[in-house]
Amino acid sequence: MSLGSPRAQARILTEYLWSEEGVELGALHDTRTPSTPAWVDKLVTRQMADERRHASLLRARLDDMGATYRPPPSLMKVKLAWLERTVRPYLHAFAEGPIVVLMAVAAQLEATGVRMFGRHVDVLETHAASDPTTAALRSILADEKRHARSCAAARDRLVRPEERALLEELHDKIARIDRAFGVTLAVTFWLTVAGNVVREAA
């Protein structure tokens, strides 16, 4: 629906930009401490560098399209607040500390990002394979797949056998919030994109 509407395409890319600039995970990255294992710190540092590169790709594409940036919607901030409130009781429940919670949240959100970018790239590869947006999102998707795998692996490596049940409990709560807000955000997003397409066609 958005391929024939530069305004709608810009709206989608702006949504991605908010995510890559850390709207959802920014506050949770502060869970690293001096006792965080060096390999985890290296993983998080690399991932944040990737996210900055993704943001640069998206900003460059938006600039090419002549789009103006908008602040993130309040609904995304509400999602972050719900996540923070939900995971707070677990921050010191694991032997390795709050970093376990960060990895649990990151693994869930990265997996959601892979599905989101994957669906978009599939459409673009079919209908606009040579478009600059396709190249940018193809590159981002490759990184997101690696992020999802590495965050899940780190989460599982950090948790002790006797903490598995607690981790599963935490994971279920994070997933429920992600799914609940995902549906609401998707509907809102679709209506916004559709509105932009209609306005441009008028």
N, C-alpha and C. Protein backbone atom coordinates (compact mmCIF):
# COMPACT_ATOMS: atom_id res chain seq x y z
N MET A 1 0.82 -1.20 0.00
CA MET A 1 0.00 0.00 0.00
C MET A 1 0.86 1.26 0.00
N SER A 2 2.00 1.22 0.65
CA SER A 2 2.79 2.43 0.82
C SER A 2 3.76 2.69 -0.34
N LEU A 3 3.98 1.69 -1.20
CA LEU A 3 5.03 1.83 -2.21
C LEU A 3 4.81 3.02 -3.14
N GLY A 4 3.57 3.38 -3.41
CA GLY A 4 3.30 4.51 -4.29
C GLY A 4 3.16 5.83 -3.55
N SER A 5 3.44 5.83 -2.25
CA SER A 5 3.26 7.05 -1.45
C SER A 5 4.54 7.38 -0.69
N PRO A 6 5.32 8.35 -1.16
CA PRO A 6 6.53 8.76 -0.43
C PRO A 6 6.24 9.14 1.02
N ARG A 7 5.11 9.79 1.25
CA ARG A 7 4.76 10.20 2.61
C ARG A 7 4.55 8.97 3.51
N ALA A 8 3.86 7.96 2.98
CA ALA A 8 3.62 6.75 3.76
C ALA A 8 4.93 6.00 4.00
N GLN A 9 5.79 5.94 2.99
CA GLN A 9 7.08 5.28 3.16
C GLN A 9 7.91 5.98 4.23
N ALA A 10 7.88 7.31 4.20
CA ALA A 10 8.63 8.07 5.20
C ALA A 10 8.08 7.81 6.60
N ARG A 11 6.78 7.66 6.71
CA ARG A 11 6.17 7.37 8.01
C ARG A 11 6.65 6.03 8.55
N ILE A 12 6.76 5.03 7.69
CA ILE A 12 7.25 3.72 8.10
C ILE A 12 8.71 3.81 8.54
N LEU A 13 9.53 4.47 7.75
CA LEU A 13 10.94 4.58 8.09
C LEU A 13 11.15 5.38 9.37
N THR A 14 10.30 6.36 9.61
CA THR A 14 10.39 7.12 10.86
C THR A 14 10.09 6.21 12.05
N GLU A 15 9.12 5.33 11.90
CA GLU A 15 8.81 4.36 12.96
C GLU A 15 10.03 3.48 13.26
N TYR A 16 10.69 3.03 12.22
CA TYR A 16 11.89 2.22 12.40
C TYR A 16 13.00 3.04 13.08
N LEU A 17 13.10 4.29 12.69
CA LEU A 17 14.15 5.14 13.27
C LEU A 17 13.98 5.27 14.77
N TRP A 18 12.73 5.46 15.25
CA TRP A 18 12.49 5.57 16.68
C TRP A 18 13.02 4.34 17.41
N SER A 19 12.76 3.18 16.82
CA SER A 19 13.19 1.93 17.44
C SER A 19 14.71 1.82 17.47
N GLU A 20 15.34 2.14 16.35
CA GLU A 20 16.79 2.00 16.26
C GLU A 20 17.52 3.02 17.14
N GLU A 21 16.91 4.14 17.41
CA GLU A 21 17.55 5.13 18.27
C GLU A 21 17.32 4.84 19.75
N GLY A 22 16.71 3.69 20.03
CA GLY A 22 16.65 3.25 21.41
C GLY A 22 15.46 3.70 22.19
N VAL A 23 14.36 4.02 21.52
CA VAL A 23 13.16 4.43 22.26
C VAL A 23 12.74 3.36 23.26
N GLU A 24 12.83 2.09 22.84
CA GLU A 24 12.35 1.01 23.69
C GLU A 24 13.41 0.48 24.65
N LEU A 25 14.68 0.47 24.22
CA LEU A 25 15.70 -0.19 25.04
C LEU A 25 16.67 0.76 25.73
N GLY A 26 16.58 2.05 25.41
CA GLY A 26 17.57 2.98 25.92
C GLY A 26 17.75 2.93 27.43
N ALA A 27 16.66 3.02 28.16
CA ALA A 27 16.75 3.03 29.62
C ALA A 27 17.23 1.70 30.16
N LEU A 28 16.87 0.61 29.51
CA LEU A 28 17.25 -0.71 30.01
C LEU A 28 18.73 -1.01 29.82
N HIS A 29 19.40 -0.31 28.90
CA HIS A 29 20.83 -0.53 28.71
C HIS A 29 21.62 -0.12 29.95
N ASP A 30 21.04 0.67 30.83
CA ASP A 30 21.74 1.11 32.03
C ASP A 30 21.88 0.00 33.06
N THR A 31 21.37 -1.19 32.77
CA THR A 31 21.47 -2.29 33.73
C THR A 31 22.86 -2.91 33.76
N ARG A 32 23.75 -2.50 32.88
CA ARG A 32 25.13 -2.98 32.97
C ARG A 32 25.79 -2.40 34.23
N THR A 33 26.63 -3.20 34.86
CA THR A 33 27.33 -2.78 36.08
C THR A 33 28.81 -3.14 35.95
N PRO A 34 29.66 -2.66 36.89
CA PRO A 34 31.08 -3.02 36.82
C PRO A 34 31.34 -4.53 36.86
N SER A 35 30.40 -5.29 37.40
CA SER A 35 30.58 -6.74 37.49
C SER A 35 30.05 -7.49 36.26
N THR A 36 29.49 -6.75 35.31
CA THR A 36 28.99 -7.40 34.09
C THR A 36 30.15 -8.07 33.36
N PRO A 37 30.00 -9.34 32.95
CA PRO A 37 31.09 -10.03 32.24
C PRO A 37 31.54 -9.24 31.01
N ALA A 38 32.84 -9.30 30.75
CA ALA A 38 33.40 -8.53 29.64
C ALA A 38 32.78 -8.93 28.30
N TRP A 39 32.47 -10.21 28.13
CA TRP A 39 31.91 -10.64 26.84
C TRP A 39 30.51 -10.07 26.62
N VAL A 40 29.76 -9.87 27.73
CA VAL A 40 28.44 -9.25 27.61
C VAL A 40 28.58 -7.77 27.27
N ASP A 41 29.51 -7.11 27.92
CA ASP A 41 29.73 -5.69 27.64
C ASP A 41 30.12 -5.48 26.18
N LYS A 42 30.95 -6.38 25.66
CA LYS A 42 31.36 -6.30 24.25
C LYS A 42 30.16 -6.50 23.34
N LEU A 43 29.30 -7.46 23.68
CA LEU A 43 28.10 -7.74 22.87
C LEU A 43 27.18 -6.52 22.84
N VAL A 44 26.91 -5.95 24.02
CA VAL A 44 26.00 -4.80 24.10
C VAL A 44 26.58 -3.60 23.36
N THR A 45 27.89 -3.37 23.53
CA THR A 45 28.54 -2.24 22.86
C THR A 45 28.45 -2.37 21.34
N ARG A 46 28.67 -3.59 20.86
CA ARG A 46 28.59 -3.82 19.41
C ARG A 46 27.17 -3.63 18.91
N GLN A 47 26.22 -4.13 19.68
CA GLN A 47 24.82 -4.00 19.26
C GLN A 47 24.39 -2.54 19.22
N MET A 48 24.78 -1.77 20.21
CA MET A 48 24.43 -0.36 20.22
C MET A 48 25.08 0.39 19.04
N ALA A 49 26.31 -0.03 18.68
CA ALA A 49 26.97 0.57 17.52
C ALA A 49 26.19 0.24 16.24
N ASP A 50 25.71 -1.01 16.15
CA ASP A 50 24.89 -1.39 15.00
C ASP A 50 23.63 -0.54 14.93
N GLU A 51 23.00 -0.32 16.08
CA GLU A 51 21.76 0.46 16.10
C GLU A 51 22.01 1.90 15.67
N ARG A 52 23.16 2.44 16.05
CA ARG A 52 23.50 3.80 15.60
C ARG A 52 23.71 3.82 14.09
N ARG A 53 24.34 2.77 13.56
CA ARG A 53 24.52 2.69 12.11
C ARG A 53 23.17 2.57 11.40
N HIS A 54 22.27 1.78 11.97
CA HIS A 54 20.93 1.64 11.39
C HIS A 54 20.22 3.00 11.37
N ALA A 55 20.34 3.72 12.48
CA ALA A 55 19.70 5.03 12.56
C ALA A 55 20.27 5.97 11.49
N SER A 56 21.58 5.89 11.25
CA SER A 56 22.21 6.73 10.23
C SER A 56 21.68 6.37 8.84
N LEU A 57 21.51 5.06 8.57
CA LEU A 57 20.97 4.63 7.29
C LEU A 57 19.55 5.16 7.09
N LEU A 58 18.76 5.06 8.13
CA LEU A 58 17.37 5.50 8.03
C LEU A 58 17.27 7.02 7.90
N ARG A 59 18.09 7.73 8.66
CA ARG A 59 18.08 9.19 8.56
C ARG A 59 18.51 9.64 7.16
N ALA A 60 19.52 8.97 6.61
CA ALA A 60 19.98 9.33 5.26
C ALA A 60 18.87 9.10 4.24
N ARG A 61 18.17 7.99 4.40
CA ARG A 61 17.08 7.70 3.45
C ARG A 61 15.95 8.71 3.61
N LEU A 62 15.60 9.05 4.85
CA LEU A 62 14.56 10.05 5.09
C LEU A 62 14.96 11.41 4.54
N ASP A 63 16.24 11.75 4.70
CA ASP A 63 16.72 13.02 4.14
C ASP A 63 16.58 13.03 2.62
N ASP A 64 16.91 11.90 1.99
CA ASP A 64 16.77 11.80 0.53
C ASP A 64 15.33 12.00 0.09
N MET A 65 14.40 11.57 0.95
CA MET A 65 12.98 11.68 0.64
C MET A 65 12.40 13.03 1.03
N GLY A 66 13.22 13.88 1.66
CA GLY A 66 12.75 15.19 2.08
C GLY A 66 11.79 15.14 3.25
N ALA A 67 11.90 14.08 4.07
CA ALA A 67 10.97 13.91 5.19
C ALA A 67 11.41 14.73 6.40
N THR A 68 10.46 15.10 7.22
CA THR A 68 10.75 15.79 8.48
C THR A 68 10.60 14.80 9.62
N TYR A 69 11.45 14.94 10.63
CA TYR A 69 11.44 14.03 11.75
C TYR A 69 10.34 14.42 12.75
N ARG A 70 9.80 13.41 13.40
CA ARG A 70 8.76 13.64 14.39
C ARG A 70 9.14 12.94 15.69
N PRO A 71 8.71 13.48 16.83
CA PRO A 71 9.01 12.80 18.09
C PRO A 71 8.25 11.48 18.16
N PRO A 72 8.78 10.51 18.93
CA PRO A 72 8.09 9.22 19.04
C PRO A 72 6.72 9.38 19.68
N PRO A 73 5.77 8.53 19.30
CA PRO A 73 4.42 8.63 19.86
C PRO A 73 4.39 8.24 21.33
N SER A 74 3.45 8.79 22.06
CA SER A 74 3.34 8.51 23.48
C SER A 74 3.08 7.04 23.75
N LEU A 75 2.45 6.34 22.81
CA LEU A 75 2.15 4.93 23.02
C LEU A 75 3.43 4.11 23.17
N MET A 76 4.47 4.45 22.43
CA MET A 76 5.74 3.74 22.57
C MET A 76 6.35 4.00 23.94
N LYS A 77 6.19 5.21 24.45
CA LYS A 77 6.70 5.52 25.78
C LYS A 77 5.93 4.76 26.84
N VAL A 78 4.64 4.59 26.62
CA VAL A 78 3.82 3.82 27.56
C VAL A 78 4.30 2.36 27.57
N LYS A 79 4.61 1.83 26.39
CA LYS A 79 5.11 0.45 26.31
C LYS A 79 6.39 0.30 27.13
N LEU A 80 7.32 1.24 26.97
CA LEU A 80 8.56 1.19 27.73
C LEU A 80 8.29 1.25 29.23
N ALA A 81 7.36 2.12 29.63
CA ALA A 81 7.03 2.24 31.05
C ALA A 81 6.46 0.93 31.59
N TRP A 82 5.60 0.27 30.81
CA TRP A 82 5.04 -1.02 31.23
C TRP A 82 6.14 -2.07 31.34
N LEU A 83 7.07 -2.08 30.38
CA LEU A 83 8.17 -3.04 30.44
C LEU A 83 9.03 -2.81 31.67
N GLU A 84 9.37 -1.55 31.91
CA GLU A 84 10.22 -1.24 33.06
C GLU A 84 9.54 -1.63 34.38
N ARG A 85 8.26 -1.34 34.47
CA ARG A 85 7.54 -1.68 35.69
C ARG A 85 7.44 -3.19 35.86
N THR A 86 7.24 -3.90 34.77
CA THR A 86 7.08 -5.35 34.84
C THR A 86 8.38 -6.06 35.22
N VAL A 87 9.50 -5.59 34.68
CA VAL A 87 10.76 -6.29 34.93
C VAL A 87 11.45 -5.83 36.21
N ARG A 88 11.00 -4.74 36.80
CA ARG A 88 11.68 -4.20 37.98
C ARG A 88 11.85 -5.22 39.11
N PRO A 89 10.82 -6.03 39.43
CA PRO A 89 10.99 -7.01 40.52
C PRO A 89 12.04 -8.08 40.22
N TYR A 90 12.44 -8.20 38.95
CA TYR A 90 13.38 -9.26 38.57
C TYR A 90 14.82 -8.75 38.46
N LEU A 91 15.02 -7.44 38.60
CA LEU A 91 16.34 -6.86 38.35
C LEU A 91 17.44 -7.48 39.20
N HIS A 92 17.11 -7.87 40.42
CA HIS A 92 18.13 -8.45 41.31
C HIS A 92 17.76 -9.88 41.72
N ALA A 93 16.95 -10.51 40.88
CA ALA A 93 16.50 -11.87 41.19
C ALA A 93 17.45 -12.94 40.64
N PHE A 94 18.36 -12.54 39.76
CA PHE A 94 19.27 -13.51 39.14
C PHE A 94 20.68 -13.30 39.66
N ALA A 95 21.43 -14.37 39.75
CA ALA A 95 22.79 -14.31 40.31
C ALA A 95 23.69 -13.35 39.53
N GLU A 96 23.49 -13.29 38.21
CA GLU A 96 24.33 -12.41 37.39
C GLU A 96 23.83 -10.97 37.37
N GLY A 97 22.72 -10.70 38.04
CA GLY A 97 22.26 -9.33 38.19
C GLY A 97 21.32 -8.84 37.09
N PRO A 98 21.14 -7.53 37.02
CA PRO A 98 20.16 -6.93 36.09
C PRO A 98 20.44 -7.20 34.62
N ILE A 99 21.70 -7.54 34.27
CA ILE A 99 22.00 -7.76 32.86
C ILE A 99 21.18 -8.90 32.29
N VAL A 100 20.76 -9.84 33.13
CA VAL A 100 19.92 -10.94 32.66
C VAL A 100 18.59 -10.39 32.15
N VAL A 101 18.05 -9.44 32.88
CA VAL A 101 16.77 -8.83 32.49
C VAL A 101 16.93 -8.07 31.18
N LEU A 102 18.02 -7.32 31.04
CA LEU A 102 18.29 -6.61 29.79
C LEU A 102 18.30 -7.59 28.62
N MET A 103 19.01 -8.70 28.78
CA MET A 103 19.10 -9.66 27.69
C MET A 103 17.76 -10.32 27.39
N ALA A 104 16.96 -10.54 28.42
CA ALA A 104 15.63 -11.13 28.21
C ALA A 104 14.75 -10.17 27.42
N VAL A 105 14.77 -8.90 27.79
CA VAL A 105 13.98 -7.90 27.06
C VAL A 105 14.51 -7.73 25.64
N ALA A 106 15.83 -7.63 25.51
CA ALA A 106 16.43 -7.42 24.20
C ALA A 106 16.14 -8.59 23.27
N ALA A 107 16.22 -9.81 23.78
CA ALA A 107 15.96 -10.98 22.94
C ALA A 107 14.54 -10.96 22.39
N GLN A 108 13.59 -10.58 23.23
CA GLN A 108 12.19 -10.52 22.79
C GLN A 108 11.99 -9.43 21.74
N LEU A 109 12.50 -8.23 22.01
CA LEU A 109 12.27 -7.11 21.09
C LEU A 109 13.04 -7.29 19.78
N GLU A 110 14.23 -7.88 19.86
CA GLU A 110 14.98 -8.12 18.63
C GLU A 110 14.28 -9.16 17.77
N ALA A 111 13.72 -10.19 18.39
CA ALA A 111 12.98 -11.20 17.63
C ALA A 111 11.76 -10.57 16.95
N THR A 112 11.10 -9.66 17.66
CA THR A 112 9.97 -8.95 17.05
C THR A 112 10.44 -8.08 15.89
N GLY A 113 11.59 -7.44 16.07
CA GLY A 113 12.15 -6.62 15.00
C GLY A 113 12.48 -7.44 13.77
N VAL A 114 13.00 -8.65 13.96
CA VAL A 114 13.31 -9.52 12.83
C VAL A 114 12.05 -9.84 12.04
N ARG A 115 10.97 -10.16 12.74
CA ARG A 115 9.71 -10.45 12.04
C ARG A 115 9.20 -9.22 11.29
N MET A 116 9.29 -8.05 11.92
CA MET A 116 8.79 -6.82 11.32
C MET A 116 9.60 -6.46 10.07
N PHE A 117 10.92 -6.39 10.22
CA PHE A 117 11.77 -6.06 9.07
C PHE A 117 11.69 -7.14 8.01
N GLY A 118 11.60 -8.40 8.43
CA GLY A 118 11.55 -9.50 7.48
C GLY A 118 10.34 -9.42 6.58
N ARG A 119 9.18 -9.13 7.15
CA ARG A 119 7.97 -9.01 6.34
C ARG A 119 8.09 -7.85 5.35
N HIS A 120 8.65 -6.74 5.81
CA HIS A 120 8.78 -5.57 4.95
C HIS A 120 9.76 -5.85 3.81
N VAL A 121 10.90 -6.45 4.14
CA VAL A 121 11.90 -6.75 3.12
C VAL A 121 11.34 -7.74 2.09
N ASP A 122 10.56 -8.71 2.53
CA ASP A 122 9.95 -9.66 1.59
C ASP A 122 9.10 -8.94 0.55
N VAL A 123 8.31 -7.96 1.02
CA VAL A 123 7.46 -7.19 0.10
C VAL A 123 8.33 -6.37 -0.84
N LEU A 124 9.34 -5.71 -0.30
CA LEU A 124 10.19 -4.86 -1.13
C LEU A 124 10.98 -5.68 -2.15
N GLU A 125 11.46 -6.86 -1.76
CA GLU A 125 12.22 -7.69 -2.70
C GLU A 125 11.34 -8.09 -3.89
N THR A 126 10.05 -8.24 -3.64
CA THR A 126 9.13 -8.63 -4.71
C THR A 126 8.74 -7.46 -5.60
N HIS A 127 8.53 -6.28 -4.99
CA HIS A 127 7.96 -5.16 -5.73
C HIS A 127 8.93 -4.00 -5.98
N ALA A 128 10.04 -3.94 -5.24
CA ALA A 128 10.95 -2.80 -5.40
C ALA A 128 12.37 -3.20 -5.00
N ALA A 129 12.88 -4.26 -5.62
CA ALA A 129 14.16 -4.84 -5.20
C ALA A 129 15.33 -3.88 -5.35
N SER A 130 15.26 -2.97 -6.33
CA SER A 130 16.37 -2.05 -6.57
C SER A 130 16.23 -0.72 -5.85
N ASP A 131 15.17 -0.55 -5.07
CA ASP A 131 14.94 0.71 -4.37
C ASP A 131 15.97 0.89 -3.26
N PRO A 132 16.46 2.11 -3.03
CA PRO A 132 17.42 2.34 -1.96
C PRO A 132 16.91 1.92 -0.58
N THR A 133 15.61 2.04 -0.37
CA THR A 133 15.04 1.61 0.91
C THR A 133 15.22 0.12 1.11
N THR A 134 15.08 -0.65 0.05
CA THR A 134 15.26 -2.10 0.14
C THR A 134 16.67 -2.44 0.58
N ALA A 135 17.65 -1.78 0.00
CA ALA A 135 19.05 -2.04 0.36
C ALA A 135 19.30 -1.72 1.83
N ALA A 136 18.77 -0.59 2.29
CA ALA A 136 18.97 -0.19 3.69
C ALA A 136 18.34 -1.20 4.64
N LEU A 137 17.10 -1.58 4.35
CA LEU A 137 16.40 -2.51 5.25
C LEU A 137 16.98 -3.91 5.18
N ARG A 138 17.50 -4.31 4.03
CA ARG A 138 18.15 -5.60 3.89
C ARG A 138 19.38 -5.67 4.82
N SER A 139 20.13 -4.60 4.85
CA SER A 139 21.31 -4.54 5.72
C SER A 139 20.92 -4.56 7.19
N ILE A 140 19.90 -3.79 7.54
CA ILE A 140 19.42 -3.76 8.93
C ILE A 140 18.91 -5.12 9.36
N LEU A 141 18.16 -5.78 8.50
CA LEU A 141 17.60 -7.09 8.84
C LEU A 141 18.70 -8.10 9.14
N ALA A 142 19.77 -8.10 8.37
CA ALA A 142 20.86 -9.04 8.62
C ALA A 142 21.44 -8.85 10.02
N ASP A 143 21.60 -7.59 10.43
CA ASP A 143 22.10 -7.32 11.78
C ASP A 143 21.09 -7.73 12.84
N GLU A 144 19.82 -7.45 12.59
CA GLU A 144 18.78 -7.77 13.58
C GLU A 144 18.70 -9.27 13.83
N LYS A 145 18.87 -10.07 12.79
CA LYS A 145 18.87 -11.52 12.97
C LYS A 145 20.02 -11.94 13.88
N ARG A 146 21.19 -11.35 13.68
CA ARG A 146 22.33 -11.66 14.54
C ARG A 146 22.08 -11.19 15.96
N HIS A 147 21.48 -10.01 16.12
CA HIS A 147 21.18 -9.51 17.46
C HIS A 147 20.22 -10.44 18.21
N ALA A 148 19.18 -10.90 17.52
CA ALA A 148 18.20 -11.78 18.17
C ALA A 148 18.86 -13.05 18.66
N ARG A 149 19.72 -13.63 17.81
CA ARG A 149 20.42 -14.87 18.21
C ARG A 149 21.38 -14.62 19.37
N SER A 150 22.16 -13.55 19.28
CA SER A 150 23.18 -13.31 20.30
C SER A 150 22.57 -12.92 21.64
N CYS A 151 21.49 -12.15 21.63
CA CYS A 151 20.84 -11.78 22.89
C CYS A 151 20.21 -12.99 23.56
N ALA A 152 19.57 -13.85 22.78
CA ALA A 152 18.96 -15.06 23.34
C ALA A 152 20.04 -15.98 23.89
N ALA A 153 21.15 -16.11 23.17
CA ALA A 153 22.23 -16.97 23.63
C ALA A 153 22.86 -16.42 24.90
N ALA A 154 23.04 -15.09 24.95
CA ALA A 154 23.61 -14.46 26.15
C ALA A 154 22.70 -14.64 27.35
N ARG A 155 21.41 -14.43 27.14
CA ARG A 155 20.42 -14.63 28.22
C ARG A 155 20.52 -16.04 28.78
N ASP A 156 20.55 -17.02 27.90
CA ASP A 156 20.58 -18.41 28.35
C ASP A 156 21.91 -18.76 29.02
N ARG A 157 22.99 -18.16 28.55
CA ARG A 157 24.31 -18.43 29.15
C ARG A 157 24.43 -17.81 30.54
N LEU A 158 23.79 -16.69 30.76
CA LEU A 158 23.89 -15.99 32.05
C LEU A 158 23.06 -16.64 33.15
N VAL A 159 22.01 -17.34 32.77
CA VAL A 159 21.08 -17.89 33.76
C VAL A 159 21.55 -19.26 34.25
N ARG A 160 21.51 -19.45 35.56
CA ARG A 160 21.89 -20.73 36.16
C ARG A 160 20.74 -21.73 36.05
N PRO A 161 21.06 -23.01 36.09
CA PRO A 161 20.01 -24.03 35.94
C PRO A 161 18.84 -23.85 36.88
N GLU A 162 19.13 -23.49 38.13
CA GLU A 162 18.05 -23.34 39.12
C GLU A 162 17.22 -22.07 38.89
N GLU A 163 17.66 -21.22 37.96
CA GLU A 163 16.93 -19.98 37.67
C GLU A 163 16.08 -20.08 36.41
N ARG A 164 16.07 -21.24 35.76
CA ARG A 164 15.36 -21.39 34.49
C ARG A 164 13.87 -21.10 34.61
N ALA A 165 13.26 -21.59 35.66
CA ALA A 165 11.82 -21.37 35.83
C ALA A 165 11.51 -19.89 36.01
N LEU A 166 12.37 -19.20 36.75
CA LEU A 166 12.18 -17.76 36.96
C LEU A 166 12.36 -17.01 35.64
N LEU A 167 13.33 -17.42 34.83
CA LEU A 167 13.53 -16.79 33.53
C LEU A 167 12.32 -17.00 32.63
N GLU A 168 11.76 -18.19 32.65
CA GLU A 168 10.58 -18.47 31.83
C GLU A 168 9.40 -17.59 32.26
N GLU A 169 9.27 -17.40 33.56
CA GLU A 169 8.22 -16.51 34.08
C GLU A 169 8.42 -15.09 33.58
N LEU A 170 9.66 -14.61 33.64
CA LEU A 170 9.98 -13.26 33.16
C LEU A 170 9.73 -13.16 31.66
N HIS A 171 10.17 -14.15 30.92
CA HIS A 171 10.00 -14.14 29.47
C HIS A 171 8.53 -14.06 29.08
N ASP A 172 7.69 -14.83 29.77
CA ASP A 172 6.26 -14.81 29.45
C ASP A 172 5.66 -13.43 29.66
N LYS A 173 6.07 -12.74 30.73
CA LYS A 173 5.53 -11.41 31.01
C LYS A 173 6.00 -10.40 29.97
N ILE A 174 7.26 -10.47 29.59
CA ILE A 174 7.79 -9.56 28.56
C ILE A 174 7.08 -9.80 27.24
N ALA A 175 6.90 -11.07 26.89
CA ALA A 175 6.26 -11.41 25.61
C ALA A 175 4.82 -10.93 25.56
N ARG A 176 4.11 -11.05 26.67
CA ARG A 176 2.71 -10.61 26.69
C ARG A 176 2.61 -9.11 26.44
N ILE A 177 3.49 -8.33 27.07
CA ILE A 177 3.48 -6.88 26.87
C ILE A 177 3.85 -6.55 25.42
N ASP A 178 4.86 -7.21 24.90
CA ASP A 178 5.29 -6.95 23.53
C ASP A 178 4.17 -7.26 22.54
N ARG A 179 3.49 -8.39 22.74
CA ARG A 179 2.39 -8.74 21.84
C ARG A 179 1.22 -7.78 21.97
N ALA A 180 0.87 -7.43 23.21
CA ALA A 180 -0.28 -6.55 23.43
C ALA A 180 -0.06 -5.19 22.78
N PHE A 181 1.10 -4.60 23.02
CA PHE A 181 1.37 -3.29 22.42
C PHE A 181 1.64 -3.42 20.93
N GLY A 182 2.14 -4.58 20.50
CA GLY A 182 2.40 -4.78 19.09
C GLY A 182 1.12 -4.69 18.27
N VAL A 183 0.06 -5.29 18.76
CA VAL A 183 -1.22 -5.24 18.05
C VAL A 183 -1.73 -3.80 17.99
N THR A 184 -1.70 -3.12 19.13
CA THR A 184 -2.20 -1.73 19.18
C THR A 184 -1.37 -0.82 18.28
N LEU A 185 -0.04 -0.95 18.36
CA LEU A 185 0.82 -0.12 17.53
C LEU A 185 0.63 -0.44 16.05
N ALA A 186 0.44 -1.71 15.73
CA ALA A 186 0.27 -2.10 14.33
C ALA A 186 -1.00 -1.49 13.74
N VAL A 187 -2.09 -1.54 14.49
CA VAL A 187 -3.35 -0.98 14.00
C VAL A 187 -3.22 0.54 13.83
N THR A 188 -2.64 1.19 14.84
CA THR A 188 -2.43 2.64 14.75
C THR A 188 -1.55 2.99 13.57
N PHE A 189 -0.49 2.22 13.41
CA PHE A 189 0.47 2.43 12.32
C PHE A 189 -0.21 2.26 10.97
N TRP A 190 -1.00 1.19 10.81
CA TRP A 190 -1.67 0.93 9.54
C TRP A 190 -2.62 2.07 9.19
N LEU A 191 -3.38 2.52 10.16
CA LEU A 191 -4.33 3.61 9.91
C LEU A 191 -3.60 4.89 9.51
N THR A 192 -2.45 5.16 10.14
CA THR A 192 -1.69 6.34 9.80
C THR A 192 -1.15 6.26 8.38
N VAL A 193 -0.58 5.10 8.03
CA VAL A 193 -0.06 4.91 6.68
C VAL A 193 -1.17 5.03 5.64
N ALA A 194 -2.32 4.38 5.93
CA ALA A 194 -3.46 4.45 5.01
C ALA A 194 -3.91 5.89 4.83
N GLY A 195 -3.93 6.65 5.92
CA GLY A 195 -4.33 8.06 5.84
C GLY A 195 -3.38 8.85 4.95
N ASN A 196 -2.07 8.57 5.06
CA ASN A 196 -1.11 9.28 4.22
C ASN A 196 -1.31 8.93 2.75
N VAL A 197 -1.58 7.65 2.47
CA VAL A 197 -1.80 7.23 1.08
C VAL A 197 -3.03 7.92 0.51
N VAL A 198 -4.09 7.98 1.27
CA VAL A 198 -5.34 8.61 0.80
C VAL A 198 -5.11 10.09 0.55
N ARG A 199 -4.41 10.78 1.46
CA ARG A 199 -4.16 12.22 1.31
C ARG A 199 -3.34 12.51 0.04
N GLU A 200 -2.35 11.66 -0.23
CA GLU A 200 -1.53 11.90 -1.41
C GLU A 200 -2.31 11.62 -2.69
N ALA A 201 -3.27 10.68 -2.61
CA ALA A 201 -4.03 10.33 -3.80
C ALA A 201 -5.14 11.35 -4.09
N ALA A 202 -5.49 12.15 -3.08
CA ALA A 202 -6.61 13.10 -3.24
C ALA A 202 -6.23 14.25 -4.16
